[in-house]
Amino acid sequence: MLTADTITKFPFPLSLPSSLSPRLRNPKLSLTVFFTSRHLPPPKMPPSSSSLIAEYAKSNRSACKTCDKKIEAKTLRLGVVTKDRGYDLTKWHHFHCLSFDSLSVDSAESVTGFDSLKSDDQEALKKIVDERAEVKDTGEQSENVVAEKKQSSSKKKKIKDRDGDVDSVEKEPKKLQLSVSDKAENEIALEVSDIKDIYKSFFSLIAEYAKSNRSACKTCDKKIEAKTLRLGVITKDRGYDLTKWHHFHCLSFDSLSVDSAESITGFDSLKSDDQEALKKIVDERAEVKDTGEQSENVVAEKKQSSNKKKKIKDRDGDVDSVEKEPKKLQLSVSDDAEIEIALEVSDIKDIYKDATLQPKWRAFHSIIFLEKDDGLNDSSKIAAFDFDGCLANTDVKVSGADKWSLMYPSIPDKLQKLYNDGFKLVVFTNESNIDRWTKKRQKAVDSKVGRLNNFIKKVNVPMQVFIACGFDTKGRKDAYRKPQPGMWRVMEKHFNSGIAIDMDQSFYVGDAAGREKDHSDADIKFAQAIGLKFYLPEEFFDVKA
């Protein structure tokens, strides 16, 4: 056995690098270092093997090897255990970060620590393992099908020789050409199915009235006022339920899979009006989805029918069939269709550009509108009015919520009678200053909305209001600004509960009739564009000369 004392008796000198630390240059260690680093081969390590362990993190000191973020204490984590130089090395991952593609897991029950998990986590782990097994089986089946097709393509072709004998000549097998469209379709179908299943497992929706004003909408970043309806998207994050709150009109349902409004958690505890509003949004999204699918089918049918064969007679009277080049389908988009497509739930906000709206007021595109007021009933009979110069006496040069007065004393009684007779009262008014006053937009919004709020409070009759904030520019007309019928079309299609409007009983009252003293003819042309009966305010409110 070699010792430090026998090192000096070696027939050759030991020359160690000067870069070694003094500790390694110790005579008792130098021989070991020399032979280990220069002459001895590295030891043979056993082949690496891996296993999987599941547990709840004991602290927040571990980090996920996939996303590099901390794994919070008491959250579910998965560890891949590998053999490294004879020791077990565990690499931890978040539950949703770990990819099972490179792991061989027979079943969720075989994962170490599975029995100690909560039932929900056990089910989630089972689902992921089962889904990976299904994908693996599908892949193996696909490989078998490809192999069978290759084998069948290598057939022997029978050829007769000059003497009539038949030789068997083996045909060179062709390479299997996969249809790109079929392959892509299969891949897409698999991805959509996986996403849908995962989404339903880890996403849910809740509706409730805000308990305080501390929560903020994740769409518009504005506070959600206490006791107002809010919608929460619940996701699984690190083993916990994470809820992201949204204003009712801010949340986009496009990316959500909601079977029905009744399936939303908390739906039964909502007020009847809010239940109806939620039902309407969910039903509209379902209709849009169905309409989209039908539109695709219609387009496909039209393309197919356009590819017809044209019959042409030749000189001998025979008929040849000549295939006509199919034309590209040009879809005609009407104004109504354009407005309907543009009106999406995700477009409805509680701010207009950079101006904050008052409670119950919402905005989309260049319209600000008042949500369904308490006591307002949708109806087939619409009594529509202009505001400035018709219901209220205002001055365009003066702003302020209180800078107005009733245009005629008989207005409150007249409106109350219409309401009692089953009419729905709607105000359609232009206010281009909201868009023009870029530096004073909030002031313009507060002035217009404040006047309308005070007017409704004064007459004490529930009304629906639409404000067109945009203005016409050279070569472009705002679709919602009177005399364009955009505001009416939106009310008719989206804010009247689907009730068909009786045009014979409905009417519009406005002061801009194109007379010599009038500032424009927007009101009378607005009524003509819609097909409504038109009245001047002094006539309708029985103003005596």
Protein backbone atom coordinates (compact mmCIF):
# COMPACT_ATOMS: atom_id res chain seq x y z
CA MET A 1 0.00 0.00 0.00
CA LEU A 2 1.35 3.40 -0.94
CA THR A 3 1.73 5.98 1.77
CA ALA A 4 3.01 9.50 1.89
CA ASP A 5 6.36 8.22 3.14
CA THR A 6 6.92 6.09 0.03
CA ILE A 7 6.21 8.89 -2.40
CA THR A 8 9.86 10.07 -2.28
CA LYS A 9 11.07 6.59 -3.24
CA PHE A 10 9.38 6.71 -6.66
CA PRO A 11 11.90 6.30 -9.53
CA PHE A 12 10.45 9.35 -11.30
CA PRO A 13 9.55 12.80 -10.03
CA LEU A 14 5.94 13.86 -9.62
CA SER A 15 5.40 17.08 -11.52
CA LEU A 16 2.13 18.73 -10.55
CA PRO A 17 0.68 21.83 -12.20
CA SER A 18 1.37 25.05 -10.34
CA SER A 19 -2.26 26.03 -10.86
CA LEU A 20 -3.35 23.50 -8.24
CA SER A 21 -4.36 24.95 -4.93
CA PRO A 22 -1.95 24.55 -1.99
CA ARG A 23 -4.34 22.05 -0.45
CA LEU A 24 -4.14 19.79 -3.49
CA ARG A 25 -0.35 20.16 -3.55
CA ASN A 26 -0.17 18.51 -0.14
CA PRO A 27 2.13 15.45 -0.50
CA LYS A 28 -0.53 13.24 1.06
CA LEU A 29 -2.95 14.14 -1.71
CA SER A 30 -0.70 14.72 -4.69
CA LEU A 31 -0.30 11.10 -5.68
CA THR A 32 -4.04 10.51 -5.61
CA VAL A 33 -4.65 13.61 -7.67
CA PHE A 34 -1.96 12.71 -10.15
CA PHE A 35 -3.20 9.21 -10.87
CA THR A 36 -6.86 10.15 -10.81
CA SER A 37 -6.51 13.10 -13.16
CA ARG A 38 -3.86 11.80 -15.51
CA HIS A 39 -3.82 8.00 -15.60
CA LEU A 40 -6.93 6.42 -14.14
CA PRO A 41 -9.97 6.11 -16.43
CA PRO A 42 -13.21 7.66 -15.15
CA PRO A 43 -15.33 5.19 -13.25
CA LYS A 44 -18.17 3.55 -15.14
CA MET A 45 -21.53 5.01 -14.07
CA PRO A 46 -24.69 2.96 -14.08
CA PRO A 47 -27.12 3.81 -16.88
CA SER A 48 -29.34 6.71 -15.92
CA SER A 49 -32.89 5.91 -14.97
CA SER A 50 -35.72 8.25 -14.05
CA SER A 51 -38.79 8.06 -11.88
CA LEU A 52 -41.53 10.51 -10.98
CA ILE A 53 -42.53 11.81 -7.57
CA ALA A 54 -45.48 14.00 -6.59
CA GLU A 55 -45.74 16.01 -3.39
CA TYR A 56 -46.65 19.37 -1.94
CA ALA A 57 -43.70 21.75 -1.70
CA LYS A 58 -42.36 21.97 1.85
CA SER A 59 -41.11 25.54 1.28
CA ASN A 60 -40.78 28.13 -1.45
CA ARG A 61 -37.07 27.59 -1.98
CA SER A 62 -37.38 25.19 -4.93
CA ALA A 63 -37.61 26.51 -8.50
CA CYS A 64 -39.32 24.97 -11.53
CA LYS A 65 -36.80 23.58 -14.03
CA THR A 66 -39.17 24.42 -16.89
CA CYS A 67 -40.14 28.05 -16.24
CA ASP A 68 -37.43 28.97 -13.68
CA LYS A 69 -40.01 30.47 -11.34
CA LYS A 70 -40.39 29.65 -7.67
CA ILE A 71 -42.66 26.84 -6.55
CA GLU A 72 -44.74 28.20 -3.72
CA ALA A 73 -44.94 26.29 -0.45
CA LYS A 74 -47.78 23.77 -0.09
CA THR A 75 -48.46 23.74 -3.85
CA LEU A 76 -48.32 20.55 -5.88
CA ARG A 77 -44.98 19.90 -7.55
CA LEU A 78 -43.66 17.01 -9.65
CA GLY A 79 -40.10 15.79 -9.39
CA VAL A 80 -38.15 13.85 -12.02
CA VAL A 81 -35.66 11.66 -10.16
CA THR A 82 -32.53 10.63 -12.10
CA LYS A 83 -29.35 8.77 -11.19
CA ASP A 84 -26.31 11.05 -11.26
CA ARG A 85 -22.90 9.61 -10.20
CA GLY A 86 -24.59 7.13 -7.98
CA TYR A 87 -26.91 9.62 -6.29
CA ASP A 88 -30.60 10.40 -6.78
CA LEU A 89 -31.01 13.86 -8.31
CA THR A 90 -34.50 15.38 -8.23
CA LYS A 91 -35.51 18.17 -10.58
CA TRP A 92 -38.74 19.86 -9.50
CA HIS A 93 -41.42 21.26 -11.80
CA HIS A 94 -44.77 23.00 -11.44
CA PHE A 95 -47.62 20.58 -11.98
CA HIS A 96 -48.65 22.25 -15.26
CA CYS A 97 -45.10 22.90 -16.48
CA LEU A 98 -43.81 19.34 -16.65
CA SER A 99 -43.93 17.72 -20.08
CA PHE A 100 -44.81 14.02 -19.98
CA ASP A 101 -43.66 13.41 -23.58
CA SER A 102 -40.21 12.14 -22.56
CA LEU A 103 -41.41 10.26 -19.47
CA SER A 104 -42.53 6.67 -19.26
CA VAL A 105 -45.36 6.58 -16.74
CA ASP A 106 -47.54 3.49 -16.75
CA SER A 107 -50.27 5.00 -14.61
CA ALA A 108 -50.87 7.87 -12.23
CA GLU A 109 -51.01 5.40 -9.34
CA SER A 110 -47.42 4.39 -10.06
CA VAL A 111 -46.17 7.92 -9.35
CA THR A 112 -44.44 8.03 -5.97
CA GLY A 113 -46.53 9.99 -3.45
CA PHE A 114 -49.76 9.68 -5.45
CA ASP A 115 -51.71 8.27 -2.48
CA SER A 116 -50.86 11.30 -0.33
CA LEU A 117 -52.36 13.80 -2.77
CA LYS A 118 -55.75 15.42 -2.50
CA SER A 119 -58.54 13.82 -4.53
CA ASP A 120 -58.73 16.78 -6.98
CA ASP A 121 -55.00 16.63 -7.64
CA GLN A 122 -55.17 12.85 -8.06
CA GLU A 123 -57.87 13.22 -10.69
CA ALA A 124 -55.92 15.94 -12.52
CA LEU A 125 -52.79 13.77 -12.57
CA LYS A 126 -54.78 10.76 -13.77
CA LYS A 127 -56.25 12.81 -16.60
CA ILE A 128 -52.88 14.01 -17.85
CA VAL A 129 -51.34 10.51 -17.73
CA ASP A 130 -54.38 8.98 -19.50
CA GLU A 131 -54.32 11.67 -22.20
CA ARG A 132 -50.63 11.03 -22.87
CA ALA A 133 -51.37 7.29 -23.12
CA GLU A 134 -54.13 7.97 -25.67
CA VAL A 135 -51.84 10.18 -27.74
CA LYS A 136 -49.15 7.50 -27.64
CA ASP A 137 -51.61 4.80 -28.75
CA THR A 138 -52.86 7.02 -31.55
CA GLY A 139 -49.30 7.61 -32.72
CA GLU A 140 -48.52 3.88 -32.73
CA GLN A 141 -51.69 3.14 -34.69
CA SER A 142 -50.75 5.83 -37.24
CA GLU A 143 -47.29 4.25 -37.67
CA ASN A 144 -48.90 0.83 -38.23
CA VAL A 145 -51.22 2.25 -40.89
CA VAL A 146 -48.30 3.88 -42.70
CA ALA A 147 -46.35 0.62 -42.58
CA GLU A 148 -49.31 -1.34 -44.01
CA LYS A 149 -49.73 1.15 -46.84
CA LYS A 150 -46.04 0.93 -47.71
CA GLN A 151 -46.21 -2.85 -47.73
CA SER A 152 -49.31 -2.99 -49.91
CA SER A 153 -47.82 -0.50 -52.40
CA SER A 154 -44.96 -2.96 -53.13
CA LYS A 155 -46.97 -5.29 -55.36
CA LYS A 156 -45.84 -7.44 -58.20
CA LYS A 157 -46.86 -6.41 -61.69
CA LYS A 158 -47.76 -9.20 -64.10
CA ILE A 159 -46.27 -8.80 -67.61
CA LYS A 160 -46.61 -11.14 -70.55
CA ASP A 161 -43.46 -11.91 -72.58
CA ARG A 162 -43.31 -12.62 -76.30
CA ASP A 163 -43.97 -16.36 -75.80
CA GLY A 164 -47.09 -15.68 -73.77
CA ASP A 165 -45.49 -16.63 -70.51
CA VAL A 166 -46.06 -14.50 -67.52
CA ASP A 167 -43.16 -13.18 -65.51
CA SER A 168 -43.53 -11.69 -62.13
CA VAL A 169 -41.70 -8.37 -61.95
CA GLU A 170 -41.51 -6.66 -58.58
CA LYS A 171 -42.51 -3.05 -58.79
CA GLU A 172 -40.40 -0.53 -56.91
CA PRO A 173 -42.45 0.59 -53.93
CA LYS A 174 -43.46 4.23 -54.12
CA LYS A 175 -42.86 6.54 -51.26
CA LEU A 176 -46.04 7.15 -49.36
CA GLN A 177 -47.19 10.72 -49.99
CA LEU A 178 -49.24 11.94 -47.09
CA SER A 179 -51.96 14.44 -47.89
CA VAL A 180 -50.92 17.67 -46.27
CA SER A 181 -54.52 18.77 -45.79
CA ASP A 182 -55.50 15.49 -44.12
CA LYS A 183 -52.44 15.56 -41.90
CA ALA A 184 -53.03 19.16 -40.93
CA GLU A 185 -56.69 18.48 -40.28
CA ASN A 186 -55.88 15.60 -37.96
CA GLU A 187 -53.31 17.66 -36.08
CA ILE A 188 -55.72 20.55 -35.70
CA ALA A 189 -58.52 18.29 -34.52
CA LEU A 190 -56.26 16.80 -31.89
CA GLU A 191 -55.09 20.19 -30.67
CA VAL A 192 -58.62 21.59 -30.45
CA SER A 193 -59.81 18.56 -28.53
CA ASP A 194 -56.92 18.78 -26.10
CA ILE A 195 -57.38 22.50 -25.56
CA LYS A 196 -61.12 22.08 -24.96
CA ASP A 197 -60.59 19.34 -22.39
CA ILE A 198 -57.83 21.22 -20.59
CA TYR A 199 -59.85 24.43 -20.67
CA LYS A 200 -62.91 22.82 -19.10
CA SER A 201 -60.71 21.26 -16.43
CA PHE A 202 -58.90 24.42 -15.36
CA PHE A 203 -61.23 27.30 -16.28
CA SER A 204 -64.62 28.22 -14.86
CA LEU A 205 -66.77 31.33 -14.62
CA ILE A 206 -68.39 32.96 -11.59
CA ALA A 207 -70.87 35.84 -11.33
CA GLU A 208 -71.47 37.90 -8.19
CA TYR A 209 -71.89 41.41 -6.85
CA ALA A 210 -68.62 43.01 -5.75
CA LYS A 211 -68.25 42.94 -1.97
CA SER A 212 -66.10 46.10 -2.00
CA ASN A 213 -64.45 48.48 -4.44
CA ARG A 214 -60.97 47.01 -4.00
CA SER A 215 -61.06 44.72 -7.04
CA ALA A 216 -59.99 46.00 -10.46
CA CYS A 217 -61.14 44.86 -13.89
CA LYS A 218 -58.46 42.87 -15.71
CA THR A 219 -59.68 44.22 -19.05
CA CYS A 220 -59.87 47.98 -18.52
CA ASP A 221 -57.85 48.26 -15.26
CA LYS A 222 -60.63 50.37 -13.68
CA LYS A 223 -62.07 49.73 -10.23
CA ILE A 224 -65.16 47.58 -9.90
CA GLU A 225 -67.56 49.46 -7.69
CA ALA A 226 -69.04 47.72 -4.65
CA LYS A 227 -72.39 45.96 -5.16
CA THR A 228 -72.02 46.03 -8.96
CA LEU A 229 -72.12 42.86 -11.02
CA ARG A 230 -68.72 41.39 -11.79
CA LEU A 231 -67.63 38.24 -13.62
CA GLY A 232 -64.65 36.18 -12.51
CA VAL A 233 -62.60 33.78 -14.63
CA ILE A 234 -61.22 31.10 -12.32
CA THR A 235 -58.02 29.33 -13.36
CA LYS A 236 -55.79 26.76 -11.71
CA ASP A 237 -52.44 28.29 -10.81
CA ARG A 238 -49.86 26.31 -8.83
CA GLY A 239 -52.55 24.16 -7.32
CA TYR A 240 -54.76 27.05 -6.21
CA ASP A 241 -57.85 28.70 -7.71
CA LEU A 242 -56.96 32.13 -9.12
CA THR A 243 -59.87 34.47 -9.92
CA LYS A 244 -59.50 37.37 -12.34
CA TRP A 245 -62.40 39.82 -12.05
CA HIS A 246 -63.96 41.80 -14.90
CA HIS A 247 -66.73 44.31 -15.32
CA PHE A 248 -69.85 42.68 -16.70
CA HIS A 249 -69.50 44.41 -20.09
CA CYS A 250 -65.70 44.19 -20.26
CA LEU A 251 -65.32 40.41 -20.26
CA SER A 252 -64.99 38.88 -23.71
CA PHE A 253 -66.84 35.59 -24.07
CA ASP A 254 -65.05 34.78 -27.36
CA SER A 255 -62.36 32.70 -25.66
CA LEU A 256 -64.68 31.17 -23.04
CA SER A 257 -66.58 27.92 -23.35
CA VAL A 258 -69.92 28.57 -21.63
CA ASP A 259 -72.69 26.07 -22.32
CA SER A 260 -75.43 28.25 -20.82
CA ALA A 261 -75.90 31.21 -18.49
CA GLU A 262 -77.43 28.88 -15.90
CA SER A 263 -74.17 26.91 -15.74
CA ILE A 264 -72.26 29.96 -14.45
CA THR A 265 -71.54 29.73 -10.73
CA GLY A 266 -73.63 32.25 -8.78
CA PHE A 267 -76.20 32.75 -11.55
CA ASP A 268 -79.13 31.87 -9.27
CA SER A 269 -78.16 34.58 -6.77
CA LEU A 270 -78.34 37.41 -9.35
CA LYS A 271 -81.21 39.83 -9.83
CA SER A 272 -83.66 38.93 -12.56
CA ASP A 273 -82.51 41.82 -14.80
CA ASP A 274 -78.89 40.74 -14.51
CA GLN A 275 -79.84 37.13 -15.19
CA GLU A 276 -81.61 38.19 -18.38
CA ALA A 277 -78.64 40.33 -19.46
CA LEU A 278 -76.25 37.43 -18.87
CA LYS A 279 -78.52 35.03 -20.76
CA LYS A 280 -78.67 37.45 -23.66
CA ILE A 281 -74.90 37.71 -23.95
CA VAL A 282 -74.38 33.94 -23.78
CA ASP A 283 -77.16 33.33 -26.33
CA GLU A 284 -75.75 35.99 -28.66
CA ARG A 285 -72.33 34.37 -28.56
CA ALA A 286 -73.93 31.01 -29.41
CA GLU A 287 -75.82 32.63 -32.30
CA VAL A 288 -72.65 34.29 -33.62
CA LYS A 289 -70.87 30.93 -33.48
CA ASP A 290 -73.73 29.17 -35.30
CA THR A 291 -73.97 31.98 -37.85
CA GLY A 292 -70.25 31.72 -38.51
CA GLU A 293 -70.49 28.00 -39.13
CA GLN A 294 -73.52 28.47 -41.40
CA SER A 295 -71.74 31.25 -43.29
CA GLU A 296 -68.79 28.93 -43.96
CA ASN A 297 -71.17 26.28 -45.31
CA VAL A 298 -72.94 28.84 -47.53
CA VAL A 299 -69.63 30.08 -48.92
CA ALA A 300 -68.55 26.51 -49.64
CA GLU A 301 -71.83 25.75 -51.43
CA LYS A 302 -71.63 28.93 -53.51
CA LYS A 303 -68.06 28.16 -54.53
CA GLN A 304 -69.10 24.66 -55.51
CA SER A 305 -72.11 25.81 -57.53
CA SER A 306 -70.07 28.50 -59.31
CA ASN A 307 -67.76 25.81 -60.73
CA LYS A 308 -70.26 24.67 -63.36
CA LYS A 309 -69.68 23.32 -66.82
CA LYS A 310 -70.72 25.51 -69.73
CA LYS A 311 -72.30 23.75 -72.68
CA ILE A 312 -71.00 24.84 -76.10
CA LYS A 313 -72.09 23.50 -79.47
CA ASP A 314 -69.38 22.81 -82.02
CA ARG A 315 -69.73 23.04 -85.82
CA ASP A 316 -71.13 19.50 -86.07
CA GLY A 317 -73.81 20.22 -83.50
CA ASP A 318 -72.17 18.15 -80.80
CA VAL A 319 -72.04 19.49 -77.31
CA ASP A 320 -68.77 19.67 -75.43
CA SER A 321 -68.54 20.34 -71.77
CA VAL A 322 -66.06 23.13 -70.98
CA GLU A 323 -65.23 23.74 -67.34
CA LYS A 324 -65.61 27.39 -66.39
CA GLU A 325 -63.01 28.93 -64.09
CA PRO A 326 -64.71 29.56 -60.73
CA LYS A 327 -64.92 33.21 -59.75
CA LYS A 328 -63.94 34.43 -56.32
CA LEU A 329 -66.98 34.92 -54.14
CA GLN A 330 -67.56 38.61 -53.47
CA LEU A 331 -69.61 39.07 -50.30
CA SER A 332 -71.81 42.15 -50.24
CA VAL A 333 -71.67 43.78 -46.82
CA SER A 334 -74.59 46.08 -46.06
CA ASP A 335 -74.52 48.83 -43.45
CA ASP A 336 -76.71 46.76 -41.14
CA ALA A 337 -74.48 43.71 -41.44
CA GLU A 338 -71.38 45.82 -40.82
CA ILE A 339 -72.84 47.25 -37.60
CA GLU A 340 -74.00 43.84 -36.44
CA ILE A 341 -70.59 42.30 -36.98
CA ALA A 342 -68.84 45.22 -35.29
CA LEU A 343 -70.97 44.99 -32.15
CA GLU A 344 -69.03 42.56 -29.95
CA VAL A 345 -69.34 42.16 -26.21
CA SER A 346 -65.60 42.73 -25.89
CA ASP A 347 -66.03 46.17 -27.51
CA ILE A 348 -68.39 47.41 -24.78
CA LYS A 349 -66.45 49.46 -22.22
CA ASP A 350 -67.12 51.67 -19.22
CA ILE A 351 -64.77 54.29 -20.64
CA TYR A 352 -64.98 56.24 -23.90
CA LYS A 353 -61.45 56.62 -25.26
CA ASP A 354 -59.74 58.42 -22.34
CA ALA A 355 -62.94 59.57 -20.57
CA THR A 356 -64.46 57.65 -17.65
CA LEU A 357 -68.21 57.10 -17.85
CA GLN A 358 -70.70 57.46 -15.02
CA PRO A 359 -72.43 54.38 -13.54
CA LYS A 360 -74.86 52.60 -15.91
CA TRP A 361 -73.31 54.29 -18.95
CA ARG A 362 -71.32 52.25 -21.44
CA ALA A 363 -69.56 52.80 -24.76
CA PHE A 364 -68.69 50.97 -27.93
CA HIS A 365 -67.22 52.37 -31.15
CA SER A 366 -68.41 56.00 -31.35
CA ILE A 367 -71.57 55.49 -29.25
CA ILE A 368 -72.17 56.12 -25.55
CA PHE A 369 -75.36 54.52 -24.30
CA LEU A 370 -77.34 54.19 -21.09
CA GLU A 371 -77.85 50.65 -19.87
CA LYS A 372 -81.36 49.40 -19.33
CA ASP A 373 -82.82 51.74 -16.72
CA ASP A 374 -84.94 50.44 -13.84
CA GLY A 375 -88.53 50.06 -15.01
CA LEU A 376 -87.72 50.32 -18.73
CA ASN A 377 -89.62 47.75 -20.77
CA ASP A 378 -88.70 46.72 -24.30
CA SER A 379 -91.61 47.08 -26.67
CA SER A 380 -92.78 46.88 -30.27
CA LYS A 381 -93.87 50.54 -29.95
CA ILE A 382 -90.96 53.00 -29.93
CA ALA A 383 -91.34 56.68 -29.08
CA ALA A 384 -88.00 58.20 -30.15
CA PHE A 385 -86.78 61.75 -29.52
CA ASP A 386 -83.90 64.09 -30.19
CA PHE A 387 -82.56 65.78 -27.03
CA ASP A 388 -81.10 69.26 -27.66
CA GLY A 389 -83.78 71.64 -28.93
CA CYS A 390 -86.45 68.98 -28.60
CA LEU A 391 -86.64 67.77 -24.99
CA ALA A 392 -84.14 70.18 -23.45
CA ASN A 393 -83.24 73.78 -24.08
CA THR A 394 -79.43 73.91 -24.22
CA ASP A 395 -76.69 76.20 -25.47
CA VAL A 396 -73.83 74.68 -27.47
CA LYS A 397 -71.49 77.43 -26.22
CA VAL A 398 -72.07 76.56 -22.55
CA SER A 399 -71.19 73.25 -20.93
CA GLY A 400 -72.27 71.75 -17.63
CA ALA A 401 -74.61 69.08 -16.29
CA ASP A 402 -77.00 71.73 -14.91
CA LYS A 403 -76.89 74.06 -17.91
CA TRP A 404 -80.25 73.10 -19.41
CA SER A 405 -84.01 73.49 -18.94
CA LEU A 406 -87.16 71.75 -20.13
CA MET A 407 -87.98 72.73 -23.69
CA TYR A 408 -91.71 72.62 -23.01
CA PRO A 409 -93.67 72.36 -19.72
CA SER A 410 -95.88 69.57 -21.08
CA ILE A 411 -92.97 67.20 -21.67
CA PRO A 412 -93.10 65.25 -18.34
CA ASP A 413 -96.84 64.50 -18.60
CA LYS A 414 -96.59 63.59 -22.28
CA LEU A 415 -93.72 61.18 -21.69
CA GLN A 416 -95.46 59.62 -18.70
CA LYS A 417 -98.59 58.98 -20.79
CA LEU A 418 -96.53 57.30 -23.53
CA TYR A 419 -94.85 55.10 -20.95
CA ASN A 420 -98.21 54.11 -19.46
CA ASP A 421 -99.50 53.27 -22.94
CA GLY A 422 -96.72 50.70 -23.42
CA PHE A 423 -94.26 52.75 -25.46
CA LYS A 424 -90.54 52.40 -24.97
CA LEU A 425 -88.95 55.86 -24.78
CA VAL A 426 -85.61 56.23 -26.57
CA VAL A 427 -83.38 59.30 -27.06
CA PHE A 428 -81.07 59.52 -30.10
CA THR A 429 -78.74 62.52 -29.90
CA ASN A 430 -75.53 63.70 -31.59
CA GLU A 431 -72.64 65.16 -29.57
CA SER A 432 -69.55 65.57 -31.77
CA ASN A 433 -67.78 67.68 -29.13
CA ILE A 434 -66.96 64.45 -27.27
CA ASP A 435 -64.68 63.45 -30.13
CA ARG A 436 -63.60 66.94 -31.14
CA TRP A 437 -62.52 68.08 -27.67
CA THR A 438 -59.51 65.80 -27.40
CA LYS A 439 -58.04 67.74 -24.47
CA LYS A 440 -61.41 68.30 -22.76
CA ARG A 441 -63.13 65.04 -23.61
CA GLN A 442 -63.91 64.18 -19.99
CA LYS A 443 -65.56 67.58 -19.57
CA ALA A 444 -67.66 67.05 -22.70
CA VAL A 445 -68.74 63.58 -21.59
CA ASP A 446 -69.65 64.72 -18.07
CA SER A 447 -71.65 67.64 -19.46
CA LYS A 448 -73.71 65.60 -21.93
CA VAL A 449 -74.25 62.57 -19.73
CA GLY A 450 -74.96 64.78 -16.72
CA ARG A 451 -77.67 66.68 -18.58
CA LEU A 452 -79.36 63.47 -19.70
CA ASN A 453 -79.20 61.99 -16.19
CA ASN A 454 -80.75 65.12 -14.72
CA PHE A 455 -83.41 65.24 -17.42
CA ILE A 456 -84.49 61.63 -16.76
CA LYS A 457 -84.57 62.37 -13.05
CA LYS A 458 -86.68 65.47 -13.70
CA VAL A 459 -89.34 63.78 -15.85
CA ASN A 460 -89.23 60.61 -13.69
CA VAL A 461 -89.75 58.27 -16.65
CA PRO A 462 -87.32 55.44 -17.56
CA MET A 463 -85.66 55.94 -20.93
CA GLN A 464 -83.01 54.43 -23.17
CA VAL A 465 -80.36 56.81 -24.51
CA PHE A 466 -77.84 56.64 -27.37
CA ILE A 467 -75.24 59.39 -27.94
CA ALA A 468 -73.35 59.53 -31.25
CA CYS A 469 -69.96 60.99 -30.34
CA GLY A 470 -68.30 60.90 -33.74
CA PHE A 471 -68.38 63.41 -36.58
CA ASP A 472 -68.28 63.22 -40.36
CA THR A 473 -65.01 63.86 -42.14
CA LYS A 474 -64.24 64.44 -45.79
CA GLY A 475 -65.02 61.28 -47.69
CA ARG A 476 -66.20 59.39 -44.60
CA LYS A 477 -69.49 59.44 -42.70
CA ASP A 478 -69.81 58.20 -39.13
CA ALA A 479 -72.24 55.26 -39.27
CA TYR A 480 -73.90 56.22 -35.98
CA ARG A 481 -74.22 59.98 -36.35
CA LYS A 482 -77.64 61.21 -37.45
CA PRO A 483 -78.92 61.25 -40.17
CA GLN A 484 -77.19 57.87 -40.55
CA PRO A 485 -79.50 55.19 -39.04
CA GLY A 486 -76.72 53.35 -37.13
CA MET A 487 -77.97 54.14 -33.61
CA TRP A 488 -81.48 52.96 -34.47
CA ARG A 489 -80.22 49.73 -36.06
CA VAL A 490 -78.16 48.89 -32.98
CA MET A 491 -81.14 49.53 -30.68
CA GLU A 492 -83.45 47.51 -32.92
CA LYS A 493 -81.16 44.50 -33.27
CA HIS A 494 -79.40 44.34 -29.93
CA PHE A 495 -81.21 46.38 -27.29
CA ASN A 496 -84.89 45.51 -27.66
CA SER A 497 -84.91 41.85 -26.53
CA GLY A 498 -85.47 40.71 -30.12
CA ILE A 499 -88.96 42.25 -30.22
CA ALA A 500 -90.01 43.27 -33.74
CA ILE A 501 -90.82 46.97 -33.96
CA ASP A 502 -94.25 48.08 -35.18
CA MET A 503 -93.31 50.85 -37.61
CA ASP A 504 -96.93 52.01 -37.95
CA GLN A 505 -97.18 52.86 -34.22
CA SER A 506 -93.59 54.04 -33.71
CA PHE A 507 -92.40 57.58 -34.44
CA TYR A 508 -89.54 60.07 -34.06
CA VAL A 509 -89.62 63.67 -32.80
CA GLY A 510 -86.86 66.15 -33.64
CA ASP A 511 -86.24 69.82 -34.30
CA ALA A 512 -83.66 69.58 -37.14
CA ALA A 513 -86.09 69.44 -40.05
CA GLY A 514 -84.25 71.56 -42.62
CA ARG A 515 -86.35 74.66 -42.09
CA GLU A 516 -84.86 78.10 -42.58
CA LYS A 517 -84.20 78.58 -38.86
CA ASP A 518 -83.03 75.00 -38.24
CA HIS A 519 -79.32 74.24 -37.90
CA SER A 520 -79.66 71.12 -40.10
CA ASP A 521 -82.06 68.52 -41.50
CA ALA A 522 -80.48 65.59 -39.62
CA ASP A 523 -83.60 64.61 -37.66
CA ILE A 524 -86.07 64.45 -40.53
CA LYS A 525 -83.60 62.55 -42.73
CA PHE A 526 -82.89 60.18 -39.80
CA ALA A 527 -86.62 59.36 -39.62
CA GLN A 528 -86.84 58.97 -43.40
CA ALA A 529 -83.86 56.61 -43.50
CA ILE A 530 -85.54 54.37 -40.93
CA GLY A 531 -89.10 54.72 -42.25
CA LEU A 532 -90.54 56.37 -39.13
CA LYS A 533 -93.28 58.95 -38.86
CA PHE A 534 -91.77 62.32 -38.05
CA TYR A 535 -93.08 65.07 -35.76
CA LEU A 536 -91.78 68.50 -34.89
CA PRO A 537 -91.48 69.01 -31.11
CA GLU A 538 -93.81 72.01 -31.00
CA GLU A 539 -96.48 69.97 -32.79
CA PHE A 540 -96.06 66.84 -30.72
CA PHE A 541 -96.06 68.59 -27.35
CA ASP A 542 -99.09 70.72 -28.30
CA VAL A 543 -97.33 74.06 -28.01
CA LYS A 544 -99.76 76.86 -28.74
CA ALA A 545 -98.57 79.73 -30.84
